[in-house]
PDB file of all heavy atoms in Angstrom:
ATOM      1  N   GLN A   1       0.786  -1.283   0.049  1.00  0.00           N
ATOM      2  CA  GLN A   1      -0.059   0.024   0.006  1.00  0.00           C
ATOM      3  C   GLN A   1       0.837   1.262  -0.007  1.00  0.00           C
ATOM      4  O   GLN A   1       0.576   2.200  -0.623  1.00  0.00           O
ATOM      5  CB  GLN A   1      -0.923  -0.043   1.222  1.00  0.00           C
ATOM      6  CG  GLN A   1      -1.930  -1.071   1.115  1.00  0.00           C
ATOM      7  CD  GLN A   1      -2.787  -1.286   2.378  1.00  0.00           C
ATOM      8  OE1 GLN A   1      -2.355  -0.815   3.551  1.00  0.00           O
ATOM      9  NE2 GLN A   1      -3.991  -1.899   2.352  1.00  0.00           N
ATOM     10  N   ARG A   2       1.883   1.227   0.696  1.00  0.00           N
ATOM     11  CA  ARG A   2       2.850   2.433   0.811  1.00  0.00           C
ATOM     12  C   ARG A   2       3.486   2.537  -0.578  1.00  0.00           C
ATOM     13  O   ARG A   2       3.681   3.785  -1.052  1.00  0.00           O
ATOM     14  CB  ARG A   2       3.951   2.081   1.825  1.00  0.00           C
ATOM     15  CG  ARG A   2       5.023   3.152   1.943  1.00  0.00           C
ATOM     16  CD  ARG A   2       5.782   2.993   3.194  1.00  0.00           C
ATOM     17  NE  ARG A   2       6.239   1.692   3.435  1.00  0.00           N
ATOM     18  CZ  ARG A   2       7.395   1.165   2.924  1.00  0.00           C
ATOM     19  NH1 ARG A   2       8.165   1.947   2.229  1.00  0.00           N
ATOM     20  NH2 ARG A   2       7.743  -0.111   3.196  1.00  0.00           N
ATOM     21  N   TRP A   3       3.918   1.571  -1.249  1.00  0.00           N
ATOM     22  CA  TRP A   3       4.492   1.725  -2.560  1.00  0.00           C
ATOM     23  C   TRP A   3       3.456   2.240  -3.590  1.00  0.00           C
ATOM     24  O   TRP A   3       3.823   2.830  -4.606  1.00  0.00           O
ATOM     25  CB  TRP A   3       5.090   0.375  -2.959  1.00  0.00           C
ATOM     26  CG  TRP A   3       6.378  -0.036  -2.041  1.00  0.00           C
ATOM     27  CD1 TRP A   3       7.144   0.772  -1.382  1.00  0.00           C
ATOM     28  CD2 TRP A   3       6.706  -1.377  -1.814  1.00  0.00           C
ATOM     29  NE1 TRP A   3       8.001   0.010  -0.700  1.00  0.00           N
ATOM     30  CE2 TRP A   3       7.858  -1.304  -0.888  1.00  0.00           C
ATOM     31  CE3 TRP A   3       6.185  -2.667  -2.160  1.00  0.00           C
ATOM     32  CZ2 TRP A   3       8.375  -2.457  -0.392  1.00  0.00           C
ATOM     33  CZ3 TRP A   3       6.848  -3.728  -1.622  1.00  0.00           C
ATOM     34  CH2 TRP A   3       7.956  -3.616  -0.752  1.00  0.00           C
ATOM     35  N   SER A   4       2.137   1.778  -3.443  1.00  0.00           N
ATOM     36  CA  SER A   4       1.162   2.040  -4.419  1.00  0.00           C
ATOM     37  C   SER A   4       0.571   3.269  -4.282  1.00  0.00           C
ATOM     38  O   SER A   4       0.107   3.928  -5.306  1.00  0.00           O
ATOM     39  CB  SER A   4       0.114   0.890  -4.363  1.00  0.00           C
ATOM     40  OG  SER A   4       0.593  -0.328  -4.516  1.00  0.00           O
ATOM     41  N   LEU A   5       0.475   3.920  -3.064  1.00  0.00           N
ATOM     42  CA  LEU A   5      -0.322   5.089  -2.773  1.00  0.00           C
ATOM     43  C   LEU A   5       0.011   6.270  -3.645  1.00  0.00           C
ATOM     44  O   LEU A   5      -0.880   7.003  -4.205  1.00  0.00           O
ATOM     45  CB  LEU A   5      -0.155   5.415  -1.351  1.00  0.00           C
ATOM     46  CG  LEU A   5      -0.988   6.595  -0.805  1.00  0.00           C
ATOM     47  CD1 LEU A   5      -2.519   6.237  -1.014  1.00  0.00           C
ATOM     48  CD2 LEU A   5      -0.760   6.943   0.626  1.00  0.00           C
ATOM     49  N   PRO A   6       1.299   6.527  -3.860  1.00  0.00           N
ATOM     50  CA  PRO A   6       1.740   7.743  -4.737  1.00  0.00           C
ATOM     51  C   PRO A   6       1.181   7.555  -6.271  1.00  0.00           C
ATOM     52  O   PRO A   6       1.181   8.527  -6.937  1.00  0.00           O
ATOM     53  CB  PRO A   6       3.156   7.798  -4.624  1.00  0.00           C
ATOM     54  CG  PRO A   6       3.512   7.077  -3.361  1.00  0.00           C
ATOM     55  CD  PRO A   6       2.556   5.972  -3.330  1.00  0.00           C
ATOM     56  N   LEU A   7       0.871   6.302  -6.673  1.00  0.00           N
ATOM     57  CA  LEU A   7       0.445   6.122  -8.041  1.00  0.00           C
ATOM     58  C   LEU A   7      -1.076   6.288  -8.201  1.00  0.00           C
ATOM     59  O   LEU A   7      -1.503   6.253  -9.255  1.00  0.00           O
ATOM     60  CB  LEU A   7       0.927   4.681  -8.454  1.00  0.00           C
ATOM     61  CG  LEU A   7       2.400   4.311  -8.161  1.00  0.00           C
ATOM     62  CD1 LEU A   7       2.579   2.886  -8.751  1.00  0.00           C
ATOM     63  CD2 LEU A   7       3.318   5.170  -8.823  1.00  0.00           C
ATOM     64  N   MET A   8      -1.761   6.339  -7.128  1.00  0.00           N
ATOM     65  CA  MET A   8      -3.253   6.243  -7.159  1.00  0.00           C
ATOM     66  C   MET A   8      -3.877   7.420  -7.911  1.00  0.00           C
ATOM     67  O   MET A   8      -4.951   7.297  -8.499  1.00  0.00           O
ATOM     68  CB  MET A   8      -3.823   6.145  -5.692  1.00  0.00           C
ATOM     69  CG  MET A   8      -3.572   4.761  -5.148  1.00  0.00           C
ATOM     70  SD  MET A   8      -4.370   3.369  -6.092  1.00  0.00           S
ATOM     71  CE  MET A   8      -2.832   2.623  -6.761  1.00  0.00           C
ATOM     72  N   PRO A   9      -3.287   8.604  -7.889  1.00  0.00           N
ATOM     73  CA  PRO A   9      -3.990   9.778  -8.659  1.00  0.00           C
ATOM     74  C   PRO A   9      -4.276   9.461 -10.063  1.00  0.00           C
ATOM     75  O   PRO A   9      -5.231   9.795 -10.743  1.00  0.00           O
ATOM     76  CB  PRO A   9      -3.025  10.887  -8.477  1.00  0.00           C
ATOM     77  CG  PRO A   9      -2.383  10.727  -7.202  1.00  0.00           C
ATOM     78  CD  PRO A   9      -2.258   9.187  -7.009  1.00  0.00           C
ATOM     79  N   THR A  10      -3.290   8.654 -10.717  1.00  0.00           N
ATOM     80  CA  THR A  10      -3.363   8.215 -12.115  1.00  0.00           C
ATOM     81  C   THR A  10      -4.505   7.249 -12.308  1.00  0.00           C
ATOM     82  O   THR A  10      -5.303   7.354 -13.198  1.00  0.00           O
ATOM     83  CB  THR A  10      -2.051   7.559 -12.544  1.00  0.00           C
ATOM     84  OG1 THR A  10      -1.031   8.536 -12.479  1.00  0.00           O
ATOM     85  CG2 THR A  10      -2.259   7.227 -14.111  1.00  0.00           C
ATOM     86  N   ALA A  11      -4.636   6.310 -11.298  1.00  0.00           N
ATOM     87  CA  ALA A  11      -5.842   5.356 -11.326  1.00  0.00           C
ATOM     88  C   ALA A  11      -7.120   6.102 -11.199  1.00  0.00           C
ATOM     89  O   ALA A  11      -8.187   5.766 -11.879  1.00  0.00           O
ATOM     90  CB  ALA A  11      -5.608   4.311 -10.198  1.00  0.00           C
ATOM     91  N   GLN A  12      -7.243   7.055 -10.337  1.00  0.00           N
ATOM     92  CA  GLN A  12      -8.355   7.895 -10.174  1.00  0.00           C
ATOM     93  C   GLN A  12      -8.858   8.595 -11.421  1.00  0.00           C
ATOM     94  O   GLN A  12     -10.006   8.628 -11.816  1.00  0.00           O
ATOM     95  CB  GLN A  12      -8.183   8.820  -8.941  1.00  0.00           C
ATOM     96  CG  GLN A  12      -9.426   9.644  -8.578  1.00  0.00           C
ATOM     97  CD  GLN A  12      -9.102  10.688  -7.391  1.00  0.00           C
ATOM     98  OE1 GLN A  12      -7.983  11.017  -7.258  1.00  0.00           O
ATOM     99  NE2 GLN A  12     -10.116  11.138  -6.835  1.00  0.00           N
ATOM    100  N   ALA A  13      -7.795   9.224 -12.013  1.00  0.00           N
ATOM    101  CA  ALA A  13      -8.200  10.005 -13.261  1.00  0.00           C
ATOM    102  C   ALA A  13      -8.577   9.101 -14.345  1.00  0.00           C
ATOM    103  O   ALA A  13      -9.533   9.401 -15.117  1.00  0.00           O
ATOM    104  CB  ALA A  13      -6.970  10.798 -13.673  1.00  0.00           C
ATOM    105  N   ALA A  14      -7.957   7.915 -14.571  1.00  0.00           N
ATOM    106  CA  ALA A  14      -8.301   7.018 -15.582  1.00  0.00           C
ATOM    107  C   ALA A  14      -9.634   6.481 -15.357  1.00  0.00           C
ATOM    108  O   ALA A  14     -10.446   6.290 -16.266  1.00  0.00           O
ATOM    109  CB  ALA A  14      -7.264   5.864 -15.649  1.00  0.00           C
ATOM    110  N   ALA A  15     -10.142   6.250 -14.140  1.00  0.00           N
ATOM    111  CA  ALA A  15     -11.338   5.600 -13.827  1.00  0.00           C
ATOM    112  C   ALA A  15     -12.376   6.614 -14.164  1.00  0.00           C
ATOM    113  O   ALA A  15     -13.432   6.328 -14.687  1.00  0.00           O
ATOM    114  CB  ALA A  15     -11.397   5.224 -12.278  1.00  0.00           C
ATOM    115  N   ILE A  16     -12.268   7.995 -13.715  1.00  0.00           N
ATOM    116  CA  ILE A  16     -13.259   8.923 -14.056  1.00  0.00           C
ATOM    117  C   ILE A  16     -13.437   9.019 -15.556  1.00  0.00           C
ATOM    118  O   ILE A  16     -14.560   9.140 -16.162  1.00  0.00           O
ATOM    119  CB  ILE A  16     -12.802  10.279 -13.459  1.00  0.00           C
ATOM    120  CG1 ILE A  16     -12.954  10.120 -11.958  1.00  0.00           C
ATOM    121  CG2 ILE A  16     -13.699  11.406 -14.020  1.00  0.00           C
ATOM    122  CD1 ILE A  16     -12.415  11.448 -11.187  1.00  0.00           C
ATOM    123  N   LEU A  17     -12.374   9.183 -16.351  1.00  0.00           N
ATOM    124  CA  LEU A  17     -12.467   9.314 -17.739  1.00  0.00           C
ATOM    125  C   LEU A  17     -13.087   8.191 -18.528  1.00  0.00           C
ATOM    126  O   LEU A  17     -13.934   8.349 -19.409  1.00  0.00           O
ATOM    127  CB  LEU A  17     -11.017   9.532 -18.337  1.00  0.00           C
ATOM    128  CG  LEU A  17     -10.439  10.959 -18.010  1.00  0.00           C
ATOM    129  CD1 LEU A  17      -8.933  11.010 -18.354  1.00  0.00           C
ATOM    130  CD2 LEU A  17     -11.246  12.115 -18.476  1.00  0.00           C
ATOM    131  N   LEU A  18     -12.762   7.008 -18.030  1.00  0.00           N
ATOM    132  CA  LEU A  18     -13.365   5.789 -18.671  1.00  0.00           C
ATOM    133  C   LEU A  18     -14.892   5.717 -18.313  1.00  0.00           C
ATOM    134  O   LEU A  18     -15.680   5.350 -19.223  1.00  0.00           O
ATOM    135  CB  LEU A  18     -12.603   4.495 -18.223  1.00  0.00           C
ATOM    136  CG  LEU A  18     -11.273   4.218 -18.863  1.00  0.00           C
ATOM    137  CD1 LEU A  18     -10.625   3.026 -18.163  1.00  0.00           C
ATOM    138  CD2 LEU A  18     -11.482   3.980 -20.397  1.00  0.00           C
ATOM    139  N   LYS A  19     -15.177   6.153 -17.084  1.00  0.00           N
ATOM    140  CA  LYS A  19     -16.662   6.120 -16.828  1.00  0.00           C
ATOM    141  C   LYS A  19     -17.475   7.206 -17.616  1.00  0.00           C
ATOM    142  O   LYS A  19     -18.504   6.831 -18.141  1.00  0.00           O
ATOM    143  CB  LYS A  19     -16.861   6.410 -15.283  1.00  0.00           C
ATOM    144  CG  LYS A  19     -18.358   6.333 -14.832  1.00  0.00           C
ATOM    145  CD  LYS A  19     -18.493   6.667 -13.365  1.00  0.00           C
ATOM    146  CE  LYS A  19     -19.951   6.517 -12.943  1.00  0.00           C
ATOM    147  NZ  LYS A  19     -20.872   7.128 -13.726  1.00  0.00           N
ATOM    148  N   LEU A  20     -16.960   8.256 -17.756  1.00  0.00           N
ATOM    149  CA  LEU A  20     -17.554   9.282 -18.530  1.00  0.00           C
ATOM    150  C   LEU A  20     -17.700   8.836 -20.107  1.00  0.00           C
ATOM    151  O   LEU A  20     -18.675   8.997 -20.728  1.00  0.00           O
ATOM    152  CB  LEU A  20     -16.744  10.636 -18.565  1.00  0.00           C
ATOM    153  CG  LEU A  20     -16.834  11.391 -17.196  1.00  0.00           C
ATOM    154  CD1 LEU A  20     -15.876  12.540 -17.256  1.00  0.00           C
ATOM    155  CD2 LEU A  20     -18.221  11.849 -16.906  1.00  0.00           C
ATOM    156  N   LEU A  21     -16.579   8.206 -20.479  1.00  0.00           N
ATOM    157  CA  LEU A  21     -16.609   7.644 -21.936  1.00  0.00           C
ATOM    158  C   LEU A  21     -17.634   6.577 -22.055  1.00  0.00           C
ATOM    159  O   LEU A  21     -18.399   6.639 -23.112  1.00  0.00           O
ATOM    160  CB  LEU A  21     -15.233   7.195 -22.227  1.00  0.00           C
ATOM    161  CG  LEU A  21     -14.989   6.631 -23.641  1.00  0.00           C
ATOM    162  CD1 LEU A  21     -15.283   7.696 -24.707  1.00  0.00           C
ATOM    163  CD2 LEU A  21     -13.535   6.119 -23.851  1.00  0.00           C
ATOM    164  N   ARG A  22     -17.681   5.613 -21.171  1.00  0.00           N
ATOM    165  CA  ARG A  22     -18.685   4.557 -21.314  1.00  0.00           C
ATOM    166  C   ARG A  22     -20.085   5.049 -21.147  1.00  0.00           C
ATOM    167  O   ARG A  22     -21.007   4.535 -21.835  1.00  0.00           O
ATOM    168  CB  ARG A  22     -18.370   3.527 -20.259  1.00  0.00           C
ATOM    169  CG  ARG A  22     -17.090   2.639 -20.594  1.00  0.00           C
ATOM    170  CD  ARG A  22     -16.654   1.828 -19.488  1.00  0.00           C
ATOM    171  NE  ARG A  22     -15.457   0.880 -19.735  1.00  0.00           N
ATOM    172  CZ  ARG A  22     -14.533   0.615 -18.925  1.00  0.00           C
ATOM    173  NH1 ARG A  22     -14.478   1.177 -17.745  1.00  0.00           N
ATOM    174  NH2 ARG A  22     -13.559  -0.172 -19.293  1.00  0.00           N
ATOM    175  N   ASP A  23     -20.328   6.026 -20.311  1.00  0.00           N
ATOM    176  CA  ASP A  23     -21.614   6.531 -20.131  1.00  0.00           C
ATOM    177  C   ASP A  23     -22.115   7.310 -21.348  1.00  0.00           C
ATOM    178  O   ASP A  23     -23.357   7.514 -21.504  1.00  0.00           O
ATOM    179  CB  ASP A  23     -21.761   7.469 -18.909  1.00  0.00           C
ATOM    180  CG  ASP A  23     -21.590   6.709 -17.607  1.00  0.00           C
ATOM    181  OD1 ASP A  23     -21.722   5.405 -17.658  1.00  0.00           O
ATOM    182  OD2 ASP A  23     -21.436   7.371 -16.604  1.00  0.00           O
ATOM    183  N   SER A  24     -21.231   7.620 -22.233  1.00  0.00           N
ATOM    184  CA  SER A  24     -21.575   8.387 -23.425  1.00  0.00           C
ATOM    185  C   SER A  24     -22.073   7.492 -24.518  1.00  0.00           C
ATOM    186  O   SER A  24     -22.561   7.966 -25.589  1.00  0.00           O
ATOM    187  CB  SER A  24     -20.467   9.199 -23.945  1.00  0.00           C
ATOM    188  OG  SER A  24     -19.407   8.317 -24.493  1.00  0.00           O
ATOM    189  N   GLY A  25     -22.023   6.142 -24.266  1.00  0.00           N
ATOM    190  CA  GLY A  25     -22.177   5.140 -25.311  1.00  0.00           C
ATOM    191  C   GLY A  25     -23.700   5.195 -26.009  1.00  0.00           C
ATOM    192  O   GLY A  25     -24.633   5.459 -25.307  1.00  0.00           O
ATOM    193  N   LYS A  26     -23.722   5.039 -27.292  1.00  0.00           N
ATOM    194  CA  LYS A  26     -24.918   4.977 -27.985  1.00  0.00           C
ATOM    195  C   LYS A  26     -24.940   3.539 -28.643  1.00  0.00           C
ATOM    196  O   LYS A  26     -24.048   3.036 -29.283  1.00  0.00           O
ATOM    197  CB  LYS A  26     -25.085   5.994 -29.227  1.00  0.00           C
ATOM    198  CG  LYS A  26     -25.139   7.479 -28.633  1.00  0.00           C
ATOM    199  CD  LYS A  26     -25.116   8.471 -29.741  1.00  0.00           C
ATOM    200  CE  LYS A  26     -25.209   9.864 -29.210  1.00  0.00           C
ATOM    201  NZ  LYS A  26     -25.309  10.887 -30.323  1.00  0.00           N
ATOM    202  N   HIS A  27     -26.168   2.836 -28.407  1.00  0.00           N
ATOM    203  CA  HIS A  27     -26.243   1.440 -28.652  1.00  0.00           C
ATOM    204  C   HIS A  27     -27.022   1.336 -29.971  1.00  0.00           C
ATOM    205  O   HIS A  27     -28.134   1.886 -30.196  1.00  0.00           O
ATOM    206  CB  HIS A  27     -26.985   0.738 -27.585  1.00  0.00           C
ATOM    207  CG  HIS A  27     -26.462   1.053 -26.165  1.00  0.00           C
ATOM    208  ND1 HIS A  27     -25.236   0.565 -25.769  1.00  0.00           N
ATOM    209  CD2 HIS A  27     -26.788   1.902 -25.286  1.00  0.00           C
ATOM    210  CE1 HIS A  27     -24.962   1.134 -24.495  1.00  0.00           C
ATOM    211  NE2 HIS A  27     -25.988   1.916 -24.172  1.00  0.00           N
ATOM    212  N   PHE A  28     -26.607   0.255 -30.864  1.00  0.00           N
ATOM    213  CA  PHE A  28     -27.334  -0.110 -32.062  1.00  0.00           C
ATOM    214  C   PHE A  28     -27.318  -1.577 -32.115  1.00  0.00           C
ATOM    215  O   PHE A  28     -26.356  -2.231 -31.879  1.00  0.00           O
ATOM    216  CB  PHE A  28     -26.642   0.523 -33.206  1.00  0.00           C
ATOM    217  CG  PHE A  28     -26.572   2.086 -33.099  1.00  0.00           C
ATOM    218  CD1 PHE A  28     -25.432   2.731 -32.618  1.00  0.00           C
ATOM    219  CD2 PHE A  28     -27.531   2.901 -33.641  1.00  0.00           C
ATOM    220  CE1 PHE A  28     -25.353   4.044 -32.545  1.00  0.00           C
ATOM    221  CE2 PHE A  28     -27.514   4.290 -33.565  1.00  0.00           C
ATOM    222  CZ  PHE A  28     -26.442   4.892 -33.008  1.00  0.00           C
ATOM    223  N   SER A  29     -28.309  -2.277 -32.739  1.00  0.00           N
ATOM    224  CA  SER A  29     -28.451  -3.627 -32.905  1.00  0.00           C
ATOM    225  C   SER A  29     -28.210  -3.921 -34.331  1.00  0.00           C
ATOM    226  O   SER A  29     -28.864  -3.329 -35.298  1.00  0.00           O
ATOM    227  CB  SER A  29     -29.857  -4.213 -32.429  1.00  0.00           C
ATOM    228  OG  SER A  29     -29.993  -3.959 -31.038  1.00  0.00           O
ATOM    229  N   TYR A  30     -27.350  -4.915 -34.603  1.00  0.00           N
ATOM    230  CA  TYR A  30     -27.127  -5.369 -36.003  1.00  0.00           C
ATOM    231  C   TYR A  30     -27.038  -6.857 -36.115  1.00  0.00           C
ATOM    232  O   TYR A  30     -27.100  -7.562 -35.078  1.00  0.00           O
ATOM    233  CB  TYR A  30     -25.807  -4.815 -36.385  1.00  0.00           C
ATOM    234  CG  TYR A  30     -25.731  -3.273 -36.524  1.00  0.00           C
ATOM    235  CD1 TYR A  30     -25.042  -2.627 -35.551  1.00  0.00           C
ATOM    236  CD2 TYR A  30     -26.259  -2.630 -37.497  1.00  0.00           C
ATOM    237  CE1 TYR A  30     -24.898  -1.230 -35.616  1.00  0.00           C
ATOM    238  CE2 TYR A  30     -26.304  -1.288 -37.681  1.00  0.00           C
ATOM    239  CZ  TYR A  30     -25.553  -0.472 -36.698  1.00  0.00           C
ATOM    240  OH  TYR A  30     -25.637   0.921 -36.757  1.00  0.00           O
ATOM    241  N   VAL A  31     -26.894  -7.400 -37.342  1.00  0.00           N
ATOM    242  CA  VAL A  31     -26.675  -8.838 -37.605  1.00  0.00           C
ATOM    243  C   VAL A  31     -25.473  -8.946 -38.566  1.00  0.00           C
ATOM    244  O   VAL A  31     -25.364  -8.253 -39.447  1.00  0.00           O
ATOM    245  CB  VAL A  31     -27.878  -9.498 -38.207  1.00  0.00           C
ATOM    246  CG1 VAL A  31     -27.548 -10.950 -38.567  1.00  0.00           C
ATOM    247  CG2 VAL A  31     -29.151  -9.408 -37.369  1.00  0.00           C
ATOM    248  N   ALA A  32     -24.549  -9.681 -38.074  1.00  0.00           N
ATOM    249  CA  ALA A  32     -23.317  -9.977 -38.869  1.00  0.00           C
ATOM    250  C   ALA A  32     -23.568 -11.222 -39.820  1.00  0.00           C
ATOM    251  O   ALA A  32     -23.737 -12.277 -39.244  1.00  0.00           O
ATOM    252  CB  ALA A  32     -22.137 -10.220 -38.043  1.00  0.00           C
ATOM    253  N   ARG A  33     -23.927 -10.984 -41.032  1.00  0.00           N
ATOM    254  CA  ARG A  33     -24.198 -12.116 -41.932  1.00  0.00           C
ATOM    255  C   ARG A  33     -23.016 -12.960 -42.155  1.00  0.00           C
ATOM    256  O   ARG A  33     -21.906 -12.553 -42.632  1.00  0.00           O
ATOM    257  CB  ARG A  33     -24.754 -11.613 -43.201  1.00  0.00           C
ATOM    258  CG  ARG A  33     -26.005 -10.645 -43.145  1.00  0.00           C
ATOM    259  CD  ARG A  33     -27.174 -11.358 -42.562  1.00  0.00           C
ATOM    260  NE  ARG A  33     -28.293 -10.523 -42.383  1.00  0.00           N
ATOM    261  CZ  ARG A  33     -29.452 -10.885 -41.795  1.00  0.00           C
ATOM    262  NH1 ARG A  33     -29.562 -12.037 -41.306  1.00  0.00           N
ATOM    263  NH2 ARG A  33     -30.516 -10.032 -41.751  1.00  0.00           N
ATOM    264  N   ARG A  34     -23.168 -14.283 -41.903  1.00  0.00           N
ATOM    265  CA  ARG A  34     -22.082 -15.217 -42.053  1.00  0.00           C
ATOM    266  C   ARG A  34     -20.861 -14.790 -41.262  1.00  0.00           C
ATOM    267  O   ARG A  34     -19.710 -14.906 -41.756  1.00  0.00           O
ATOM    268  CB  ARG A  34     -21.805 -15.591 -43.495  1.00  0.00           C
ATOM    269  CG  ARG A  34     -23.061 -16.128 -44.200  1.00  0.00           C
ATOM    270  CD  ARG A  34     -22.705 -16.558 -45.622  1.00  0.00           C
ATOM    271  NE  ARG A  34     -21.818 -17.698 -45.554  1.00  0.00           N
ATOM    272  CZ  ARG A  34     -21.312 -18.214 -46.651  1.00  0.00           C
ATOM    273  NH1 ARG A  34     -21.567 -17.759 -47.844  1.00  0.00           N
ATOM    274  NH2 ARG A  34     -20.472 -19.308 -46.654  1.00  0.00           N
ATOM    275  N   GLY A  35     -21.062 -14.091 -40.208  1.00  0.00           N
ATOM    276  CA  GLY A  35     -19.944 -13.702 -39.298  1.00  0.00           C
ATOM    277  C   GLY A  35     -19.231 -12.509 -39.662  1.00  0.00           C
ATOM    278  O   GLY A  35     -18.137 -12.143 -39.018  1.00  0.00           O
ATOM    279  N   ALA A  36     -19.773 -11.717 -40.664  1.00  0.00           N
ATOM    280  CA  ALA A  36     -19.084 -10.527 -41.029  1.00  0.00           C
ATOM    281  C   ALA A  36     -19.990  -9.233 -41.030  1.00  0.00           C
ATOM    282  O   ALA A  36     -21.226  -9.446 -41.358  1.00  0.00           O
ATOM    283  CB  ALA A  36     -18.412 -10.754 -42.474  1.00  0.00           C
ATOM    284  N   PHE A  37     -19.347  -8.097 -40.654  1.00  0.00           N
ATOM    285  CA  PHE A  37     -20.114  -6.866 -40.662  1.00  0.00           C
ATOM    286  C   PHE A  37     -19.311  -5.715 -41.072  1.00  0.00           C
ATOM    287  O   PHE A  37     -18.190  -5.619 -40.665  1.00  0.00           O
ATOM    288  CB  PHE A  37     -20.685  -6.612 -39.221  1.00  0.00           C
ATOM    289  CG  PHE A  37     -21.361  -5.334 -39.135  1.00  0.00           C
ATOM    290  CD1 PHE A  37     -22.646  -5.155 -39.459  1.00  0.00           C
ATOM    291  CD2 PHE A  37     -20.724  -4.250 -38.511  1.00  0.00           C
ATOM    292  CE1 PHE A  37     -23.362  -4.013 -39.368  1.00  0.00           C
ATOM    293  CE2 PHE A  37     -21.468  -3.020 -38.287  1.00  0.00           C
ATOM    294  CZ  PHE A  37     -22.638  -2.855 -38.792  1.00  0.00           C
ATOM    295  N   GLN A  38     -19.830  -4.870 -41.854  1.00  0.00           N
ATOM    296  CA  GLN A  38     -18.964  -3.672 -42.295  1.00  0.00           C
ATOM    297  C   GLN A  38     -19.949  -2.454 -42.158  1.00  0.00           C
ATOM    298  O   GLN A  38     -21.200  -2.579 -42.660  1.00  0.00           O
ATOM    299  CB  GLN A  38     -18.461  -3.801 -43.592  1.00  0.00           C
ATOM    300  CG  GLN A  38     -17.590  -2.662 -44.109  1.00  0.00           C
ATOM    301  CD  GLN A  38     -16.982  -2.859 -45.559  1.00  0.00           C
ATOM    302  OE1 GLN A  38     -17.668  -2.954 -46.479  1.00  0.00           O
ATOM    303  NE2 GLN A  38     -15.576  -2.870 -45.638  1.00  0.00           N
ATOM    304  N   GLN A  39     -19.372  -1.366 -41.809  1.00  0.00           N
ATOM    305  CA  GLN A  39     -20.141  -0.043 -41.812  1.00  0.00           C
ATOM    306  C   GLN A  39     -19.225   1.075 -42.053  1.00  0.00           C
ATOM    307  O   GLN A  39     -18.117   1.119 -41.544  1.00  0.00           O
ATOM    308  CB  GLN A  39     -20.766   0.161 -40.333  1.00  0.00           C
ATOM    309  CG  GLN A  39     -21.657   1.376 -40.247  1.00  0.00           C
ATOM    310  CD  GLN A  39     -22.210   1.539 -38.835  1.00  0.00           C
ATOM    311  OE1 GLN A  39     -21.363   1.985 -38.008  1.00  0.00           O
ATOM    312  NE2 GLN A  39     -23.466   1.138 -38.603  1.00  0.00           N
TER     313      GLN A  39
END
């Protein structure tokens, strides 16, 4: 814990940014014909 503590601000920032990014997601349903899809 002592060795890790000074590194935690980076973990905190990364977690916040990833949460904001994931929460921005827009969902769409598709079908990959014979296992392939292109858009």
